């Protein structure tokens, strides 16, 4: 299972690292790729988790979630 998270507020490599670390702490995550230019993150999951949980993780890291799509 993969999900793509569209994120607002990232402006540099530090932001990418911050979002990446936050999403890697999600226990269901296998792999996380954050794209600054595309303003998104793709997370591979062992099992499905709610979009609300992912939104909460990103927002706690200090960024806004625009949308989450299943890939």
N, C-alpha and C. Protein backbone atom coordinates (compact mmCIF):
# COMPACT_ATOMS: atom_id res chain seq x y z
N UNK A 1 0.85 -1.18 0.00
CA UNK A 1 0.00 0.00 0.00
C UNK A 1 0.89 1.23 0.00
N UNK A 2 0.55 2.18 -0.87
CA UNK A 2 1.26 3.45 -0.92
C UNK A 2 0.26 4.59 -0.89
N UNK A 3 0.69 5.68 -0.26
CA UNK A 3 -0.12 6.89 -0.22
C UNK A 3 0.75 8.08 -0.59
N UNK A 4 0.16 9.01 -1.31
CA UNK A 4 0.84 10.25 -1.68
C UNK A 4 0.20 11.38 -0.90
N UNK A 5 1.04 12.14 -0.19
CA UNK A 5 0.57 13.24 0.64
C UNK A 5 1.02 14.54 0.00
N UNK A 6 0.09 15.39 -0.36
CA UNK A 6 0.42 16.71 -0.92
C UNK A 6 0.59 17.68 0.24
N UNK A 7 1.75 18.34 0.29
CA UNK A 7 2.15 19.11 1.47
C UNK A 7 2.48 20.55 1.09
N UNK A 8 1.99 21.49 1.85
CA UNK A 8 2.34 22.91 1.69
C UNK A 8 3.25 23.32 2.84
N UNK A 9 4.15 24.24 2.55
CA UNK A 9 4.97 24.82 3.61
C UNK A 9 6.42 24.38 3.60
N UNK A 10 6.77 23.37 2.78
CA UNK A 10 8.17 22.95 2.70
C UNK A 10 8.91 23.91 1.77
N UNK A 11 10.07 24.42 2.22
CA UNK A 11 10.80 25.38 1.40
C UNK A 11 12.28 25.06 1.23
N UNK A 12 12.77 23.99 1.89
CA UNK A 12 14.20 23.70 1.81
C UNK A 12 14.47 22.24 2.16
N UNK A 13 15.72 21.86 2.03
CA UNK A 13 16.12 20.50 2.35
C UNK A 13 15.86 20.13 3.81
N UNK A 14 15.99 21.10 4.69
CA UNK A 14 15.71 20.85 6.11
C UNK A 14 14.25 20.45 6.29
N UNK A 15 13.36 21.11 5.58
CA UNK A 15 11.93 20.79 5.65
C UNK A 15 11.69 19.36 5.19
N UNK A 16 12.34 18.98 4.09
CA UNK A 16 12.21 17.62 3.56
C UNK A 16 12.63 16.61 4.62
N UNK A 17 13.77 16.85 5.24
CA UNK A 17 14.26 15.94 6.28
C UNK A 17 13.32 15.85 7.46
N UNK A 18 12.75 16.97 7.83
CA UNK A 18 11.84 17.01 8.97
C UNK A 18 10.59 16.17 8.69
N UNK A 19 10.00 16.34 7.50
CA UNK A 19 8.81 15.56 7.12
C UNK A 19 9.17 14.09 7.00
N UNK A 20 10.31 13.81 6.39
CA UNK A 20 10.73 12.42 6.19
C UNK A 20 10.90 11.71 7.54
N UNK A 21 11.59 12.36 8.46
CA UNK A 21 11.79 11.74 9.78
C UNK A 21 10.46 11.50 10.50
N UNK A 22 9.56 12.47 10.41
CA UNK A 22 8.26 12.33 11.08
C UNK A 22 7.48 11.14 10.50
N UNK A 23 7.47 11.01 9.18
CA UNK A 23 6.72 9.91 8.55
C UNK A 23 7.39 8.56 8.78
N UNK A 24 8.72 8.53 8.87
CA UNK A 24 9.41 7.26 9.13
C UNK A 24 9.12 6.74 10.53
N UNK A 25 8.70 7.61 11.42
CA UNK A 25 8.36 7.19 12.78
C UNK A 25 7.00 6.50 12.86
N UNK A 26 6.20 6.60 11.79
CA UNK A 26 4.92 5.90 11.75
C UNK A 26 5.24 4.41 11.69
N UNK A 27 4.72 3.64 12.66
CA UNK A 27 5.14 2.23 12.78
C UNK A 27 4.78 1.40 11.56
N UNK A 28 3.77 1.78 10.80
CA UNK A 28 3.37 1.02 9.62
C UNK A 28 4.22 1.34 8.39
N UNK A 29 5.08 2.36 8.47
CA UNK A 29 5.84 2.78 7.29
C UNK A 29 6.98 1.82 6.97
N UNK A 30 7.19 1.62 5.67
CA UNK A 30 8.30 0.82 5.17
C UNK A 30 9.33 1.74 4.53
N UNK A 31 8.84 2.70 3.74
CA UNK A 31 9.72 3.61 3.01
C UNK A 31 9.03 4.95 2.84
N UNK A 32 9.82 6.02 2.90
CA UNK A 32 9.28 7.37 2.73
C UNK A 32 10.17 8.13 1.75
N UNK A 33 9.54 8.78 0.77
CA UNK A 33 10.26 9.64 -0.17
C UNK A 33 9.55 10.98 -0.20
N UNK A 34 10.29 12.04 0.12
CA UNK A 34 9.71 13.38 0.13
C UNK A 34 10.32 14.17 -1.04
N UNK A 35 9.46 14.83 -1.81
CA UNK A 35 9.88 15.60 -2.99
C UNK A 35 9.56 17.07 -2.76
N UNK A 36 10.62 17.87 -2.55
CA UNK A 36 10.45 19.30 -2.29
C UNK A 36 9.82 20.00 -3.49
N UNK A 37 10.33 19.74 -4.67
CA UNK A 37 9.83 20.40 -5.87
C UNK A 37 8.37 20.04 -6.16
N UNK A 38 8.03 18.77 -5.96
CA UNK A 38 6.66 18.32 -6.20
C UNK A 38 5.72 18.59 -5.03
N UNK A 39 6.29 19.07 -3.93
CA UNK A 39 5.52 19.36 -2.71
C UNK A 39 4.68 18.17 -2.25
N UNK A 40 5.35 16.98 -2.19
CA UNK A 40 4.62 15.79 -1.76
C UNK A 40 5.54 14.80 -1.09
N UNK A 41 4.91 13.81 -0.48
CA UNK A 41 5.62 12.69 0.11
C UNK A 41 4.88 11.43 -0.31
N UNK A 42 5.65 10.38 -0.64
CA UNK A 42 5.06 9.07 -0.92
C UNK A 42 5.52 8.16 0.20
N UNK A 43 4.55 7.50 0.83
CA UNK A 43 4.87 6.60 1.93
C UNK A 43 4.37 5.21 1.59
N UNK A 44 5.28 4.23 1.70
CA UNK A 44 4.91 2.82 1.52
C UNK A 44 4.60 2.29 2.91
N UNK A 45 3.48 1.56 2.99
CA UNK A 45 3.00 1.07 4.28
C UNK A 45 2.87 -0.44 4.31
N UNK A 46 3.17 -1.04 5.46
CA UNK A 46 2.95 -2.48 5.66
C UNK A 46 1.47 -2.79 5.67
N UNK A 47 0.73 -1.88 6.26
CA UNK A 47 -0.73 -2.03 6.36
C UNK A 47 -1.34 -0.64 6.32
N UNK A 48 -2.60 -0.60 5.94
CA UNK A 48 -3.27 0.69 5.79
C UNK A 48 -3.44 1.38 7.14
N UNK A 49 -3.28 2.69 7.13
CA UNK A 49 -3.63 3.50 8.29
C UNK A 49 -4.48 4.66 7.79
N UNK A 50 -5.16 5.31 8.67
CA UNK A 50 -6.08 6.37 8.27
C UNK A 50 -5.34 7.58 7.73
N UNK A 51 -5.99 8.25 6.79
CA UNK A 51 -5.44 9.50 6.27
C UNK A 51 -5.35 10.53 7.37
N UNK A 52 -6.27 10.50 8.30
CA UNK A 52 -6.25 11.44 9.43
C UNK A 52 -4.96 11.29 10.25
N UNK A 53 -4.52 10.06 10.46
CA UNK A 53 -3.29 9.81 11.22
C UNK A 53 -2.08 10.40 10.48
N UNK A 54 -2.02 10.17 9.17
CA UNK A 54 -0.91 10.72 8.38
C UNK A 54 -0.94 12.24 8.39
N UNK A 55 -2.14 12.81 8.26
CA UNK A 55 -2.29 14.27 8.29
C UNK A 55 -1.79 14.82 9.63
N UNK A 56 -2.16 14.15 10.70
CA UNK A 56 -1.75 14.57 12.04
C UNK A 56 -0.23 14.56 12.18
N UNK A 57 0.42 13.52 11.67
CA UNK A 57 1.88 13.41 11.76
C UNK A 57 2.56 14.57 11.03
N UNK A 58 2.10 14.85 9.80
CA UNK A 58 2.70 15.92 9.01
C UNK A 58 2.43 17.28 9.65
N UNK A 59 1.22 17.49 10.14
CA UNK A 59 0.88 18.77 10.76
C UNK A 59 1.63 18.98 12.06
N UNK A 60 1.87 17.92 12.82
CA UNK A 60 2.66 18.03 14.04
C UNK A 60 4.11 18.40 13.72
N UNK A 61 4.56 18.03 12.52
CA UNK A 61 5.91 18.40 12.08
C UNK A 61 5.96 19.85 11.62
N UNK A 62 4.78 20.49 11.47
CA UNK A 62 4.74 21.91 11.15
C UNK A 62 4.35 22.27 9.73
N UNK A 63 3.76 21.31 9.01
CA UNK A 63 3.41 21.55 7.61
C UNK A 63 1.93 21.27 7.37
N UNK A 64 1.40 21.83 6.29
CA UNK A 64 -0.03 21.67 5.98
C UNK A 64 -0.23 20.57 4.94
N UNK A 65 -1.23 19.74 5.18
CA UNK A 65 -1.58 18.69 4.23
C UNK A 65 -2.72 19.20 3.36
N UNK A 66 -2.52 19.17 2.04
CA UNK A 66 -3.52 19.62 1.09
C UNK A 66 -4.44 18.46 0.74
N UNK A 67 -3.87 17.27 0.51
CA UNK A 67 -4.66 16.09 0.14
C UNK A 67 -3.82 14.84 0.36
N UNK A 68 -4.50 13.70 0.45
CA UNK A 68 -3.84 12.40 0.54
C UNK A 68 -4.54 11.48 -0.44
N UNK A 69 -3.74 10.83 -1.31
CA UNK A 69 -4.33 9.93 -2.29
C UNK A 69 -3.71 8.55 -2.15
N UNK A 70 -4.52 7.52 -2.40
CA UNK A 70 -4.01 6.15 -2.45
C UNK A 70 -3.39 5.94 -3.82
N UNK A 71 -2.24 5.29 -3.86
CA UNK A 71 -1.58 5.00 -5.13
C UNK A 71 -1.76 3.54 -5.49
